[in-house]
Amino acid sequence: MSATTSRGSASPALRARAAAPGACATDLTRDLPLPITRTAAEGAAVVIHLATLGADGPTGGFFDDGGPVPW
């Protein structure tokens, strides 16, 4: 969706990015039978990073902590 949005935008200033924060230890995941140790703050870091990139930053991609996620 982010790739389609970035290509179809009438505004060259629009940047569309999708973020994967990963599984975070929150009230929603506390009862899962999996050891989830990532904090919500750690999960939010990738979202904050993408939201604060400049106009020359990447667009139309899917990103996690390591950068662009290849499809």
PDB file of N, CA and C in Angstrom:
ATOM      1  N   MET A   1       0.814  -1.184   0.000  1.00  0.00           N
ATOM      2  CA  MET A   1       0.000   0.000   0.000  1.00  0.00           C
ATOM      3  C   MET A   1       0.865   1.257   0.000  1.00  0.00           C
ATOM      4  N   SER A   2       1.956   1.269   0.754  1.00  0.00           N
ATOM      5  CA  SER A   2       2.789   2.470   0.788  1.00  0.00           C
ATOM      6  C   SER A   2       3.428   2.727  -0.566  1.00  0.00           C
ATOM      7  N   ALA A   3       3.801   1.675  -1.290  1.00  0.00           N
ATOM      8  CA  ALA A   3       4.383   1.854  -2.623  1.00  0.00           C
ATOM      9  C   ALA A   3       3.346   2.409  -3.580  1.00  0.00           C
ATOM     10  N   THR A   4       2.122   1.901  -3.522  1.00  0.00           N
ATOM     11  CA  THR A   4       1.051   2.394  -4.386  1.00  0.00           C
ATOM     12  C   THR A   4       0.721   3.836  -4.053  1.00  0.00           C
ATOM     13  N   THR A   5       0.639   4.165  -2.786  1.00  0.00           N
ATOM     14  CA  THR A   5       0.338   5.532  -2.367  1.00  0.00           C
ATOM     15  C   THR A   5       1.414   6.496  -2.831  1.00  0.00           C
ATOM     16  N   SER A   6       2.671   6.122  -2.687  1.00  0.00           N
ATOM     17  CA  SER A   6       3.751   7.037  -3.059  1.00  0.00           C
ATOM     18  C   SER A   6       3.805   7.252  -4.563  1.00  0.00           C
ATOM     19  N   ARG A   7       3.452   6.257  -5.358  1.00  0.00           N
ATOM     20  CA  ARG A   7       3.468   6.419  -6.820  1.00  0.00           C
ATOM     21  C   ARG A   7       2.273   7.212  -7.313  1.00  0.00           C
ATOM     22  N   GLY A   8       1.130   7.068  -6.639  1.00  0.00           N
ATOM     23  CA  GLY A   8      -0.087   7.697  -7.115  1.00  0.00           C
ATOM     24  C   GLY A   8      -0.363   9.066  -6.534  1.00  0.00           C
ATOM     25  N   SER A   9       0.541   9.601  -5.773  1.00  0.00           N
ATOM     26  CA  SER A   9       0.310  10.882  -5.115  1.00  0.00           C
ATOM     27  C   SER A   9       0.426  12.051  -6.082  1.00  0.00           C
ATOM     28  N   ALA A  10      -0.502  12.982  -5.942  1.00  0.00           N
ATOM     29  CA  ALA A  10      -0.432  14.211  -6.728  1.00  0.00           C
ATOM     30  C   ALA A  10       0.561  15.189  -6.115  1.00  0.00           C
ATOM     31  N   SER A  11       0.965  14.933  -4.885  1.00  0.00           N
ATOM     32  CA  SER A  11       1.887  15.820  -4.192  1.00  0.00           C
ATOM     33  C   SER A  11       3.271  15.188  -4.111  1.00  0.00           C
ATOM     34  N   PRO A  12       4.269  15.816  -4.720  1.00  0.00           N
ATOM     35  CA  PRO A  12       5.622  15.254  -4.636  1.00  0.00           C
ATOM     36  C   PRO A  12       6.193  15.299  -3.214  1.00  0.00           C
ATOM     37  N   ALA A  13       5.580  16.067  -2.319  1.00  0.00           N
ATOM     38  CA  ALA A  13       6.067  16.163  -0.943  1.00  0.00           C
ATOM     39  C   ALA A  13       5.554  15.015  -0.069  1.00  0.00           C
ATOM     40  N   LEU A  14       4.561  14.264  -0.551  1.00  0.00           N
ATOM     41  CA  LEU A  14       4.001  13.169   0.228  1.00  0.00           C
ATOM     42  C   LEU A  14       4.977  12.008   0.298  1.00  0.00           C
ATOM     43  N   ARG A  15       5.197  11.486   1.495  1.00  0.00           N
ATOM     44  CA  ARG A  15       6.048  10.322   1.704  1.00  0.00           C
ATOM     45  C   ARG A  15       5.206   9.248   2.384  1.00  0.00           C
ATOM     46  N   ALA A  16       5.104   8.085   1.772  1.00  0.00           N
ATOM     47  CA  ALA A  16       4.324   6.976   2.332  1.00  0.00           C
ATOM     48  C   ALA A  16       5.285   5.884   2.770  1.00  0.00           C
ATOM     49  N   ARG A  17       5.207   5.535   4.045  1.00  0.00           N
ATOM     50  CA  ARG A  17       6.087   4.511   4.599  1.00  0.00           C
ATOM     51  C   ARG A  17       5.284   3.614   5.531  1.00  0.00           C
ATOM     52  N   ALA A  18       5.574   2.333   5.505  1.00  0.00           N
ATOM     53  CA  ALA A  18       4.933   1.388   6.422  1.00  0.00           C
ATOM     54  C   ALA A  18       5.990   0.882   7.399  1.00  0.00           C
ATOM     55  N   ALA A  19       5.600   0.763   8.650  1.00  0.00           N
ATOM     56  CA  ALA A  19       6.547   0.350   9.688  1.00  0.00           C
ATOM     57  C   ALA A  19       6.126  -0.964  10.334  1.00  0.00           C
ATOM     58  N   ALA A  20       7.122  -1.775  10.672  1.00  0.00           N
ATOM     59  CA  ALA A  20       6.904  -3.025  11.409  1.00  0.00           C
ATOM     60  C   ALA A  20       7.561  -2.881  12.779  1.00  0.00           C
ATOM     61  N   PRO A  21       6.779  -2.567  13.804  1.00  0.00           N
ATOM     62  CA  PRO A  21       7.362  -2.362  15.127  1.00  0.00           C
ATOM     63  C   PRO A  21       7.782  -3.651  15.827  1.00  0.00           C
ATOM     64  N   GLY A  22       7.353  -4.778  15.323  1.00  0.00           N
ATOM     65  CA  GLY A  22       7.676  -6.052  15.968  1.00  0.00           C
ATOM     66  C   GLY A  22       6.719  -6.346  17.111  1.00  0.00           C
ATOM     67  N   ALA A  23       6.828  -7.529  17.671  1.00  0.00           N
ATOM     68  CA  ALA A  23       5.980  -7.925  18.798  1.00  0.00           C
ATOM     69  C   ALA A  23       6.500  -7.261  20.072  1.00  0.00           C
ATOM     70  N   CYS A  24       5.641  -6.487  20.701  1.00  0.00           N
ATOM     71  CA  CYS A  24       6.042  -5.738  21.896  1.00  0.00           C
ATOM     72  C   CYS A  24       5.273  -6.235  23.119  1.00  0.00           C
ATOM     73  N   ALA A  25       5.922  -6.188  24.253  1.00  0.00           N
ATOM     74  CA  ALA A  25       5.297  -6.585  25.515  1.00  0.00           C
ATOM     75  C   ALA A  25       4.350  -5.478  25.968  1.00  0.00           C
ATOM     76  N   THR A  26       3.055  -5.717  25.783  1.00  0.00           N
ATOM     77  CA  THR A  26       2.019  -4.766  26.182  1.00  0.00           C
ATOM     78  C   THR A  26       0.876  -5.549  26.825  1.00  0.00           C
ATOM     79  N   ASP A  27      -0.164  -4.841  27.236  1.00  0.00           N
ATOM     80  CA  ASP A  27      -1.337  -5.521  27.786  1.00  0.00           C
ATOM     81  C   ASP A  27      -1.973  -6.457  26.754  1.00  0.00           C
ATOM     82  N   LEU A  28      -1.848  -6.131  25.474  1.00  0.00           N
ATOM     83  CA  LEU A  28      -2.432  -6.973  24.430  1.00  0.00           C
ATOM     84  C   LEU A  28      -1.692  -8.290  24.249  1.00  0.00           C
ATOM     85  N   THR A  29      -0.419  -8.323  24.586  1.00  0.00           N
ATOM     86  CA  THR A  29       0.383  -9.529  24.349  1.00  0.00           C
ATOM     87  C   THR A  29       0.778 -10.273  25.623  1.00  0.00           C
ATOM     88  N   ARG A  30       0.410  -9.757  26.773  1.00  0.00           N
ATOM     89  CA  ARG A  30       0.902 -10.348  28.025  1.00  0.00           C
ATOM     90  C   ARG A  30       0.445 -11.784  28.247  1.00  0.00           C
ATOM     91  N   ASP A  31      -0.689 -12.187  27.681  1.00  0.00           N
ATOM     92  CA  ASP A  31      -1.192 -13.541  27.891  1.00  0.00           C
ATOM     93  C   ASP A  31      -0.799 -14.515  26.781  1.00  0.00           C
ATOM     94  N   LEU A  32      -0.013 -14.063  25.835  1.00  0.00           N
ATOM     95  CA  LEU A  32       0.437 -14.962  24.776  1.00  0.00           C
ATOM     96  C   LEU A  32       1.462 -15.945  25.333  1.00  0.00           C
ATOM     97  N   PRO A  33       1.467 -17.164  24.824  1.00  0.00           N
ATOM     98  CA  PRO A  33       2.417 -18.159  25.330  1.00  0.00           C
ATOM     99  C   PRO A  33       3.797 -18.030  24.684  1.00  0.00           C
ATOM    100  N   LEU A  34       4.217 -16.807  24.455  1.00  0.00           N
ATOM    101  CA  LEU A  34       5.512 -16.531  23.829  1.00  0.00           C
ATOM    102  C   LEU A  34       6.304 -15.567  24.699  1.00  0.00           C
ATOM    103  N   PRO A  35       7.604 -15.714  24.746  1.00  0.00           N
ATOM    104  CA  PRO A  35       8.416 -14.753  25.508  1.00  0.00           C
ATOM    105  C   PRO A  35       8.644 -13.480  24.689  1.00  0.00           C
ATOM    106  N   ILE A  36       7.880 -12.449  24.975  1.00  0.00           N
ATOM    107  CA  ILE A  36       8.015 -11.177  24.261  1.00  0.00           C
ATOM    108  C   ILE A  36       8.677 -10.187  25.206  1.00  0.00           C
ATOM    109  N   THR A  37       9.876  -9.765  24.869  1.00  0.00           N
ATOM    110  CA  THR A  37      10.634  -8.877  25.754  1.00  0.00           C
ATOM    111  C   THR A  37      10.825  -7.482  25.180  1.00  0.00           C
ATOM    112  N   ARG A  38      10.435  -7.262  23.952  1.00  0.00           N
ATOM    113  CA  ARG A  38      10.590  -5.949  23.319  1.00  0.00           C
ATOM    114  C   ARG A  38       9.595  -4.979  23.955  1.00  0.00           C
ATOM    115  N   THR A  39      10.069  -3.822  24.368  1.00  0.00           N
ATOM    116  CA  THR A  39       9.184  -2.837  24.990  1.00  0.00           C
ATOM    117  C   THR A  39       8.422  -2.057  23.926  1.00  0.00           C
ATOM    118  N   ALA A  40       7.345  -1.421  24.349  1.00  0.00           N
ATOM    119  CA  ALA A  40       6.580  -0.582  23.435  1.00  0.00           C
ATOM    120  C   ALA A  40       7.443   0.569  22.918  1.00  0.00           C
ATOM    121  N   ALA A  41       8.311   1.099  23.764  1.00  0.00           N
ATOM    122  CA  ALA A  41       9.211   2.185  23.342  1.00  0.00           C
ATOM    123  C   ALA A  41      10.162   1.701  22.250  1.00  0.00           C
ATOM    124  N   GLU A  42      10.660   0.476  22.388  1.00  0.00           N
ATOM    125  CA  GLU A  42      11.536  -0.075  21.353  1.00  0.00           C
ATOM    126  C   GLU A  42      10.772  -0.263  20.046  1.00  0.00           C
ATOM    127  N   GLY A  43       9.541  -0.716  20.135  1.00  0.00           N
ATOM    128  CA  GLY A  43       8.722  -0.882  18.939  1.00  0.00           C
ATOM    129  C   GLY A  43       8.385   0.441  18.282  1.00  0.00           C
ATOM    130  N   ALA A  44       8.184   1.464  19.090  1.00  0.00           N
ATOM    131  CA  ALA A  44       7.843   2.783  18.557  1.00  0.00           C
ATOM    132  C   ALA A  44       9.025   3.466  17.882  1.00  0.00           C
ATOM    133  N   ALA A  45      10.231   3.049  18.187  1.00  0.00           N
ATOM    134  CA  ALA A  45      11.420   3.727  17.654  1.00  0.00           C
ATOM    135  C   ALA A  45      11.442   3.755  16.131  1.00  0.00           C
ATOM    136  N   VAL A  46      11.071   2.656  15.478  1.00  0.00           N
ATOM    137  CA  VAL A  46      11.078   2.638  14.008  1.00  0.00           C
ATOM    138  C   VAL A  46      10.006   3.577  13.454  1.00  0.00           C
ATOM    139  N   VAL A  47       8.862   3.650  14.117  1.00  0.00           N
ATOM    140  CA  VAL A  47       7.786   4.546  13.681  1.00  0.00           C
ATOM    141  C   VAL A  47       8.226   6.001  13.826  1.00  0.00           C
ATOM    142  N   ILE A  48       8.827   6.331  14.943  1.00  0.00           N
ATOM    143  CA  ILE A  48       9.309   7.697  15.170  1.00  0.00           C
ATOM    144  C   ILE A  48      10.396   8.053  14.166  1.00  0.00           C
ATOM    145  N   HIS A  49      11.293   7.126  13.923  1.00  0.00           N
ATOM    146  CA  HIS A  49      12.358   7.369  12.940  1.00  0.00           C
ATOM    147  C   HIS A  49      11.764   7.693  11.568  1.00  0.00           C
ATOM    148  N   LEU A  50      10.819   6.893  11.102  1.00  0.00           N
ATOM    149  CA  LEU A  50      10.224   7.126   9.782  1.00  0.00           C
ATOM    150  C   LEU A  50       9.423   8.423   9.746  1.00  0.00           C
ATOM    151  N   ALA A  51       8.736   8.735  10.836  1.00  0.00           N
ATOM    152  CA  ALA A  51       7.913   9.946  10.876  1.00  0.00           C
ATOM    153  C   ALA A  51       8.743  11.218  10.883  1.00  0.00           C
ATOM    154  N   THR A  52       9.986  11.128  11.307  1.00  0.00           N
ATOM    155  CA  THR A  52      10.815  12.330  11.401  1.00  0.00           C
ATOM    156  C   THR A  52      11.860  12.437  10.293  1.00  0.00           C
ATOM    157  N   LEU A  53      11.806  11.550   9.313  1.00  0.00           N
ATOM    158  CA  LEU A  53      12.723  11.663   8.175  1.00  0.00           C
ATOM    159  C   LEU A  53      12.380  12.899   7.356  1.00  0.00           C
ATOM    160  N   GLY A  54      13.351  13.476   6.730  1.00  0.00           N
ATOM    161  CA  GLY A  54      13.135  14.650   5.898  1.00  0.00           C
ATOM    162  C   GLY A  54      12.452  14.309   4.582  1.00  0.00           C
ATOM    163  N   ALA A  55      12.163  15.344   3.816  1.00  0.00           N
ATOM    164  CA  ALA A  55      11.485  15.186   2.528  1.00  0.00           C
ATOM    165  C   ALA A  55      12.304  14.374   1.540  1.00  0.00           C
ATOM    166  N   ASP A  56      13.597  14.288   1.754  1.00  0.00           N
ATOM    167  CA  ASP A  56      14.441  13.521   0.838  1.00  0.00           C
ATOM    168  C   ASP A  56      14.569  12.058   1.268  1.00  0.00           C
ATOM    169  N   GLY A  57      13.842  11.675   2.313  1.00  0.00           N
ATOM    170  CA  GLY A  57      13.897  10.300   2.804  1.00  0.00           C
ATOM    171  C   GLY A  57      13.177   9.336   1.875  1.00  0.00           C
ATOM    172  N   PRO A  58      13.320   8.045   2.133  1.00  0.00           N
ATOM    173  CA  PRO A  58      12.711   7.034   1.270  1.00  0.00           C
ATOM    174  C   PRO A  58      11.191   7.082   1.327  1.00  0.00           C
ATOM    175  N   THR A  59      10.554   6.604   0.285  1.00  0.00           N
ATOM    176  CA  THR A  59       9.103   6.542   0.228  1.00  0.00           C
ATOM    177  C   THR A  59       8.691   5.247  -0.454  1.00  0.00           C
ATOM    178  N   GLY A  60       7.487   4.795  -0.130  1.00  0.00           N
ATOM    179  CA  GLY A  60       6.954   3.604  -0.773  1.00  0.00           C
ATOM    180  C   GLY A  60       7.540   2.309  -0.282  1.00  0.00           C
ATOM    181  N   GLY A  61       8.025   2.272   0.952  1.00  0.00           N
ATOM    182  CA  GLY A  61       8.644   1.051   1.446  1.00  0.00           C
ATOM    183  C   GLY A  61       8.072   0.565   2.762  1.00  0.00           C
ATOM    184  N   PHE A  62       8.537  -0.613   3.152  1.00  0.00           N
ATOM    185  CA  PHE A  62       8.167  -1.253   4.409  1.00  0.00           C
ATOM    186  C   PHE A  62       9.445  -1.378   5.225  1.00  0.00           C
ATOM    187  N   PHE A  63       9.449  -0.879   6.453  1.00  0.00           N
ATOM    188  CA  PHE A  63      10.676  -0.749   7.229  1.00  0.00           C
ATOM    189  C   PHE A  63      10.536  -1.374   8.614  1.00  0.00           C
ATOM    190  N   ASP A  64      11.644  -1.949   9.090  1.00  0.00           N
ATOM    191  CA  ASP A  64      11.733  -2.386  10.477  1.00  0.00           C
ATOM    192  C   ASP A  64      13.001  -1.785  11.069  1.00  0.00           C
ATOM    193  N   ASP A  65      13.449  -2.279  12.202  1.00  0.00           N
ATOM    194  CA  ASP A  65      14.646  -1.729  12.848  1.00  0.00           C
ATOM    195  C   ASP A  65      15.877  -1.751  11.949  1.00  0.00           C
ATOM    196  N   GLY A  66      15.951  -2.731  11.090  1.00  0.00           N
ATOM    197  CA  GLY A  66      17.122  -2.886  10.227  1.00  0.00           C
ATOM    198  C   GLY A  66      17.068  -2.084   8.949  1.00  0.00           C
ATOM    199  N   GLY A  67      15.969  -1.361   8.722  1.00  0.00           N
ATOM    200  CA  GLY A  67      15.826  -0.585   7.495  1.00  0.00           C
ATOM    201  C   GLY A  67      14.760  -1.184   6.597  1.00  0.00           C
ATOM    202  N   PRO A  68      14.896  -0.988   5.283  1.00  0.00           N
ATOM    203  CA  PRO A  68      13.885  -1.498   4.353  1.00  0.00           C
ATOM    204  C   PRO A  68      13.781  -3.026   4.415  1.00  0.00           C
ATOM    205  N   VAL A  69      12.554  -3.510   4.378  1.00  0.00           N
ATOM    206  CA  VAL A  69      12.311  -4.950   4.363  1.00  0.00           C
ATOM    207  C   VAL A  69      12.061  -5.353   2.914  1.00  0.00           C
ATOM    208  N   PRO A  70      12.906  -6.218   2.348  1.00  0.00           N
ATOM    209  CA  PRO A  70      12.701  -6.631   0.956  1.00  0.00           C
ATOM    210  C   PRO A  70      11.495  -7.560   0.838  1.00  0.00           C
ATOM    211  N   TRP A  71      10.800  -7.465  -0.258  1.00  0.00           N
ATOM    212  CA  TRP A  71       9.639  -8.330  -0.495  1.00  0.00           C
ATOM    213  C   TRP A  71      10.022  -9.424  -1.414  1.00  0.00           C
TER     214      TRP A  71
END
